[in-house]
Amino acid sequence: QVQFVESGGGLVEVGGSLRLSCAASGLTFIRHNMGWYRRAPGKAREFLARIHRSGGNPYYENPIKGRFTISRDNTENAVYLQMNALKPEDQDGYYCNTNTPQQNAWGQGTQVTVSS
């Protein structure tokens, strides 16, 4: 079955950086555009960014534009999110999935905590 395993979260100070990783399995990775999402407890999941299956044409939602960078490695079936200039409002659980999310494949996510 399709599975996504996120890692790389942690505690960081305001203005700091983290690099999140997502390992995908159970799908032909190179055929899928991939996305990053986040969700705070009790809130709806928020779409953040996507990247074309070729590794090009990244797209970012306004809250993260200019601070976060999405990338992928098709040889490793992995997608990454470089997070810079972190703000308190970035504190969330972060998840990856295909750009059109596979609802039964959400992983455990990785928690990002931003201290001020």
N, C-alpha and C. Protein backbone atom coordinates (compact mmCIF):
# COMPACT_ATOMS: atom_id res chain seq x y z
N GLN A 1 0.83 -1.17 0.00
CA GLN A 1 0.00 0.00 0.00
C GLN A 1 0.88 1.25 0.00
N VAL A 2 0.27 2.35 -0.40
CA VAL A 2 1.00 3.62 -0.43
C VAL A 2 1.31 4.05 1.00
N GLN A 3 2.54 4.49 1.20
CA GLN A 3 2.96 4.92 2.54
C GLN A 3 3.90 6.11 2.42
N PHE A 4 3.70 7.07 3.31
CA PHE A 4 4.58 8.23 3.40
C PHE A 4 5.10 8.31 4.82
N VAL A 5 6.42 8.48 4.96
CA VAL A 5 7.03 8.59 6.28
C VAL A 5 7.81 9.89 6.34
N GLU A 6 7.34 10.80 7.17
CA GLU A 6 7.96 12.10 7.30
C GLU A 6 8.95 12.11 8.46
N SER A 7 9.99 12.93 8.32
CA SER A 7 10.99 13.07 9.37
C SER A 7 11.65 14.43 9.26
N GLY A 8 12.42 14.78 10.28
CA GLY A 8 13.19 16.02 10.24
C GLY A 8 12.65 17.15 11.08
N GLY A 9 11.49 16.95 11.65
CA GLY A 9 10.94 18.00 12.50
C GLY A 9 11.70 18.12 13.80
N GLY A 10 11.34 19.12 14.59
CA GLY A 10 12.00 19.31 15.88
C GLY A 10 11.70 20.68 16.43
N LEU A 11 12.47 21.04 17.45
CA LEU A 11 12.34 22.33 18.11
C LEU A 11 13.37 23.30 17.54
N VAL A 12 12.89 24.46 17.14
CA VAL A 12 13.78 25.45 16.54
C VAL A 12 13.36 26.83 17.03
N GLU A 13 14.30 27.73 17.11
CA GLU A 13 13.98 29.10 17.51
C GLU A 13 13.41 29.88 16.34
N VAL A 14 12.70 30.93 16.65
CA VAL A 14 12.20 31.83 15.61
C VAL A 14 13.37 32.29 14.73
N GLY A 15 13.17 32.22 13.43
CA GLY A 15 14.21 32.60 12.48
C GLY A 15 15.11 31.45 12.07
N GLY A 16 14.96 30.32 12.72
CA GLY A 16 15.79 29.17 12.42
C GLY A 16 15.32 28.38 11.21
N SER A 17 16.00 27.27 10.95
CA SER A 17 15.74 26.46 9.77
C SER A 17 15.61 24.99 10.13
N LEU A 18 14.85 24.29 9.34
CA LEU A 18 14.74 22.84 9.41
C LEU A 18 14.60 22.31 7.99
N ARG A 19 14.99 21.07 7.81
CA ARG A 19 14.78 20.40 6.52
C ARG A 19 13.99 19.14 6.79
N LEU A 20 12.80 19.09 6.24
CA LEU A 20 11.94 17.94 6.38
C LEU A 20 12.15 16.98 5.22
N SER A 21 12.01 15.70 5.51
CA SER A 21 12.12 14.67 4.49
C SER A 21 10.88 13.80 4.51
N CYS A 22 10.57 13.24 3.37
CA CYS A 22 9.43 12.33 3.25
C CYS A 22 9.86 11.18 2.35
N ALA A 23 9.77 9.98 2.88
CA ALA A 23 10.05 8.78 2.11
C ALA A 23 8.75 8.16 1.65
N ALA A 24 8.63 7.94 0.36
CA ALA A 24 7.41 7.38 -0.22
C ALA A 24 7.63 5.95 -0.66
N SER A 25 6.63 5.13 -0.52
CA SER A 25 6.69 3.75 -0.98
C SER A 25 5.31 3.29 -1.40
N GLY A 26 5.27 2.21 -2.18
CA GLY A 26 4.00 1.65 -2.59
C GLY A 26 3.36 2.33 -3.79
N LEU A 27 4.09 3.23 -4.43
CA LEU A 27 3.58 3.91 -5.61
C LEU A 27 4.73 4.14 -6.58
N THR A 28 4.38 4.38 -7.84
CA THR A 28 5.40 4.73 -8.82
C THR A 28 5.66 6.22 -8.67
N PHE A 29 6.65 6.52 -7.86
CA PHE A 29 6.87 7.88 -7.37
C PHE A 29 7.01 8.88 -8.50
N ILE A 30 7.74 8.53 -9.52
CA ILE A 30 8.05 9.47 -10.59
C ILE A 30 6.80 9.87 -11.38
N ARG A 31 5.71 9.16 -11.22
CA ARG A 31 4.48 9.48 -11.92
C ARG A 31 3.63 10.51 -11.19
N HIS A 32 4.04 10.89 -9.99
CA HIS A 32 3.18 11.72 -9.16
C HIS A 32 3.79 13.07 -8.84
N ASN A 33 2.99 14.13 -9.03
CA ASN A 33 3.33 15.40 -8.41
C ASN A 33 3.15 15.22 -6.91
N MET A 34 4.03 15.88 -6.15
CA MET A 34 4.01 15.69 -4.70
C MET A 34 3.76 17.01 -3.98
N GLY A 35 3.21 16.90 -2.78
CA GLY A 35 2.90 18.10 -2.02
C GLY A 35 3.27 17.96 -0.56
N TRP A 36 3.42 19.11 0.08
CA TRP A 36 3.59 19.19 1.53
C TRP A 36 2.37 19.90 2.11
N TYR A 37 1.98 19.45 3.29
CA TYR A 37 0.80 19.96 3.97
C TYR A 37 1.15 20.12 5.44
N ARG A 38 0.34 20.89 6.16
CA ARG A 38 0.53 20.97 7.61
C ARG A 38 -0.83 21.08 8.27
N ARG A 39 -0.83 20.72 9.55
CA ARG A 39 -2.09 20.76 10.31
C ARG A 39 -1.77 20.96 11.77
N ALA A 40 -2.43 21.93 12.35
CA ALA A 40 -2.37 22.12 13.79
C ALA A 40 -3.49 21.32 14.42
N PRO A 41 -3.34 20.92 15.67
CA PRO A 41 -4.40 20.14 16.33
C PRO A 41 -5.74 20.86 16.26
N GLY A 42 -6.77 20.13 15.86
CA GLY A 42 -8.12 20.69 15.81
C GLY A 42 -8.40 21.54 14.60
N LYS A 43 -7.44 21.64 13.70
CA LYS A 43 -7.63 22.47 12.51
C LYS A 43 -7.58 21.61 11.26
N ALA A 44 -8.08 22.15 10.17
CA ALA A 44 -8.04 21.44 8.89
C ALA A 44 -6.61 21.40 8.36
N ARG A 45 -6.35 20.38 7.58
CA ARG A 45 -5.03 20.28 6.96
C ARG A 45 -4.88 21.37 5.91
N GLU A 46 -3.71 21.99 5.87
CA GLU A 46 -3.44 23.12 4.99
C GLU A 46 -2.42 22.71 3.94
N PHE A 47 -2.75 22.97 2.68
CA PHE A 47 -1.81 22.71 1.60
C PHE A 47 -0.75 23.80 1.60
N LEU A 48 0.52 23.41 1.41
CA LEU A 48 1.62 24.37 1.43
C LEU A 48 2.34 24.53 0.10
N ALA A 49 2.69 23.41 -0.51
CA ALA A 49 3.57 23.48 -1.68
C ALA A 49 3.42 22.21 -2.49
N ARG A 50 3.74 22.31 -3.77
CA ARG A 50 3.76 21.12 -4.62
C ARG A 50 4.94 21.21 -5.56
N ILE A 51 5.32 20.05 -6.08
CA ILE A 51 6.40 19.98 -7.06
C ILE A 51 6.02 18.96 -8.12
N HIS A 52 6.30 19.31 -9.35
CA HIS A 52 6.00 18.45 -10.49
C HIS A 52 6.79 17.15 -10.40
N ARG A 53 6.27 16.12 -11.02
CA ARG A 53 6.96 14.82 -10.97
C ARG A 53 8.37 14.89 -11.55
N SER A 54 8.61 15.86 -12.43
CA SER A 54 9.94 16.03 -13.02
C SER A 54 10.92 16.71 -12.07
N GLY A 55 10.41 17.29 -11.00
CA GLY A 55 11.26 18.05 -10.08
C GLY A 55 11.21 19.55 -10.35
N GLY A 56 10.47 19.95 -11.34
CA GLY A 56 10.38 21.37 -11.67
C GLY A 56 9.06 21.97 -11.25
N ASN A 57 8.87 23.22 -11.66
CA ASN A 57 7.61 23.93 -11.49
C ASN A 57 7.08 23.91 -10.06
N PRO A 58 7.89 24.31 -9.08
CA PRO A 58 7.38 24.35 -7.71
C PRO A 58 6.34 25.44 -7.54
N TYR A 59 5.41 25.19 -6.63
CA TYR A 59 4.37 26.16 -6.31
C TYR A 59 4.26 26.26 -4.80
N TYR A 60 4.07 27.50 -4.30
CA TYR A 60 3.99 27.73 -2.87
C TYR A 60 2.79 28.58 -2.52
N GLU A 61 2.14 28.26 -1.45
CA GLU A 61 1.09 29.10 -0.92
C GLU A 61 1.73 30.32 -0.26
N ASN A 62 0.96 31.40 -0.17
CA ASN A 62 1.50 32.67 0.31
C ASN A 62 2.16 32.61 1.69
N PRO A 63 1.62 31.88 2.66
CA PRO A 63 2.24 31.91 4.00
C PRO A 63 3.69 31.45 4.05
N ILE A 64 4.11 30.67 3.08
CA ILE A 64 5.47 30.12 3.09
C ILE A 64 6.31 30.60 1.93
N LYS A 65 5.74 31.33 1.02
CA LYS A 65 6.45 31.75 -0.19
C LYS A 65 7.66 32.59 0.18
N GLY A 66 8.80 32.24 -0.41
CA GLY A 66 10.04 32.97 -0.15
C GLY A 66 10.82 32.46 1.04
N ARG A 67 10.20 31.58 1.84
CA ARG A 67 10.89 31.04 3.03
C ARG A 67 11.13 29.54 2.93
N PHE A 68 10.22 28.83 2.30
CA PHE A 68 10.31 27.37 2.18
C PHE A 68 10.63 26.98 0.75
N THR A 69 11.34 25.85 0.59
CA THR A 69 11.67 25.34 -0.73
C THR A 69 11.37 23.84 -0.78
N ILE A 70 10.57 23.45 -1.76
CA ILE A 70 10.27 22.04 -1.96
C ILE A 70 11.20 21.47 -3.02
N SER A 71 11.63 20.24 -2.82
CA SER A 71 12.47 19.55 -3.79
C SER A 71 12.19 18.05 -3.69
N ARG A 72 12.73 17.31 -4.64
CA ARG A 72 12.51 15.87 -4.63
C ARG A 72 13.70 15.17 -5.23
N ASP A 73 13.84 13.91 -4.89
CA ASP A 73 14.86 13.04 -5.47
C ASP A 73 14.15 11.78 -5.95
N ASN A 74 13.97 11.68 -7.24
CA ASN A 74 13.23 10.56 -7.80
C ASN A 74 14.01 9.25 -7.71
N THR A 75 15.31 9.32 -7.51
CA THR A 75 16.09 8.10 -7.34
C THR A 75 15.93 7.52 -5.93
N GLU A 76 15.50 8.38 -5.01
CA GLU A 76 15.32 7.97 -3.62
C GLU A 76 13.86 7.89 -3.21
N ASN A 77 12.96 8.19 -4.15
CA ASN A 77 11.52 8.25 -3.82
C ASN A 77 11.29 9.15 -2.60
N ALA A 78 11.88 10.33 -2.65
CA ALA A 78 11.82 11.24 -1.51
C ALA A 78 11.47 12.65 -1.95
N VAL A 79 10.80 13.34 -1.06
CA VAL A 79 10.50 14.75 -1.26
C VAL A 79 10.91 15.49 0.00
N TYR A 80 11.37 16.73 -0.18
CA TYR A 80 11.95 17.49 0.92
C TYR A 80 11.28 18.86 1.03
N LEU A 81 11.38 19.42 2.22
CA LEU A 81 10.91 20.79 2.43
C LEU A 81 11.95 21.51 3.28
N GLN A 82 12.69 22.41 2.65
CA GLN A 82 13.64 23.25 3.36
C GLN A 82 12.88 24.44 3.91
N MET A 83 12.94 24.62 5.22
CA MET A 83 12.17 25.65 5.90
C MET A 83 13.14 26.64 6.53
N ASN A 84 13.10 27.87 6.07
CA ASN A 84 13.96 28.92 6.60
C ASN A 84 13.11 30.03 7.21
N ALA A 85 13.76 30.86 8.01
CA ALA A 85 13.08 32.01 8.62
C ALA A 85 11.77 31.59 9.30
N LEU A 86 11.86 30.56 10.11
CA LEU A 86 10.65 30.02 10.72
C LEU A 86 10.00 31.00 11.68
N LYS A 87 8.68 30.99 11.69
CA LYS A 87 7.88 31.87 12.52
C LYS A 87 7.05 31.04 13.51
N PRO A 88 6.57 31.64 14.57
CA PRO A 88 5.73 30.89 15.51
C PRO A 88 4.51 30.26 14.84
N GLU A 89 3.96 30.93 13.85
CA GLU A 89 2.77 30.39 13.18
C GLU A 89 3.08 29.20 12.28
N ASP A 90 4.36 28.88 12.10
CA ASP A 90 4.73 27.68 11.35
C ASP A 90 4.68 26.43 12.22
N GLN A 91 4.45 26.60 13.50
CA GLN A 91 4.41 25.45 14.40
C GLN A 91 3.20 24.58 14.07
N ASP A 92 3.46 23.35 13.64
CA ASP A 92 2.41 22.47 13.14
C ASP A 92 2.98 21.07 12.97
N GLY A 93 2.11 20.11 12.69
CA GLY A 93 2.53 18.83 12.16
C GLY A 93 2.60 18.93 10.64
N TYR A 94 3.66 18.40 10.06
CA TYR A 94 3.89 18.51 8.62
C TYR A 94 3.79 17.13 7.97
N TYR A 95 3.13 17.10 6.82
CA TYR A 95 2.82 15.86 6.13
C TYR A 95 3.13 16.00 4.65
N CYS A 96 3.49 14.89 4.02
CA CYS A 96 3.59 14.89 2.56
C CYS A 96 2.54 13.92 2.01
N ASN A 97 2.23 14.09 0.76
CA ASN A 97 1.30 13.23 0.05
C ASN A 97 1.40 13.58 -1.41
N THR A 98 0.74 12.84 -2.24
CA THR A 98 0.64 13.23 -3.63
C THR A 98 -0.14 14.53 -3.73
N ASN A 99 0.01 15.24 -4.82
CA ASN A 99 -0.60 16.56 -4.94
C ASN A 99 -2.12 16.47 -4.82
N THR A 100 -2.71 15.47 -5.41
CA THR A 100 -4.10 15.14 -5.10
C THR A 100 -4.01 14.08 -4.01
N PRO A 101 -4.24 14.45 -2.76
CA PRO A 101 -3.88 13.55 -1.66
C PRO A 101 -4.58 12.20 -1.72
N GLN A 102 -3.83 11.18 -1.40
CA GLN A 102 -4.38 9.85 -1.25
C GLN A 102 -4.83 9.73 0.21
N GLN A 103 -6.12 9.78 0.41
CA GLN A 103 -6.68 9.98 1.75
C GLN A 103 -6.35 8.84 2.71
N ASN A 104 -6.15 7.66 2.19
CA ASN A 104 -5.84 6.52 3.07
C ASN A 104 -4.35 6.37 3.32
N ALA A 105 -3.55 7.32 2.84
CA ALA A 105 -2.10 7.15 2.92
C ALA A 105 -1.41 8.20 3.78
N TRP A 106 -2.17 9.03 4.49
CA TRP A 106 -1.53 10.03 5.33
C TRP A 106 -0.64 9.36 6.36
N GLY A 107 0.58 9.88 6.50
CA GLY A 107 1.51 9.35 7.47
C GLY A 107 1.30 9.97 8.84
N GLN A 108 2.25 9.71 9.72
CA GLN A 108 2.18 10.24 11.08
C GLN A 108 2.60 11.71 11.13
N GLY A 109 3.27 12.15 10.09
CA GLY A 109 3.73 13.54 10.07
C GLY A 109 4.97 13.72 10.93
N THR A 110 5.52 14.91 10.85
CA THR A 110 6.66 15.28 11.69
C THR A 110 6.36 16.64 12.31
N GLN A 111 6.57 16.76 13.61
CA GLN A 111 6.17 17.94 14.34
C GLN A 111 7.26 19.01 14.30
N VAL A 112 6.86 20.21 13.98
CA VAL A 112 7.76 21.37 14.02
C VAL A 112 7.29 22.28 15.14
N THR A 113 8.18 22.57 16.06
CA THR A 113 7.89 23.46 17.17
C THR A 113 8.82 24.66 17.09
N VAL A 114 8.23 25.85 17.09
CA VAL A 114 9.01 27.08 16.94
C VAL A 114 8.92 27.85 18.25
N SER A 115 10.05 28.07 18.87
CA SER A 115 10.08 28.78 20.15
C SER A 115 10.45 30.24 19.94
N SER A 116 9.79 31.10 20.70
CA SER A 116 10.06 32.53 20.58
C SER A 116 10.75 33.07 21.83
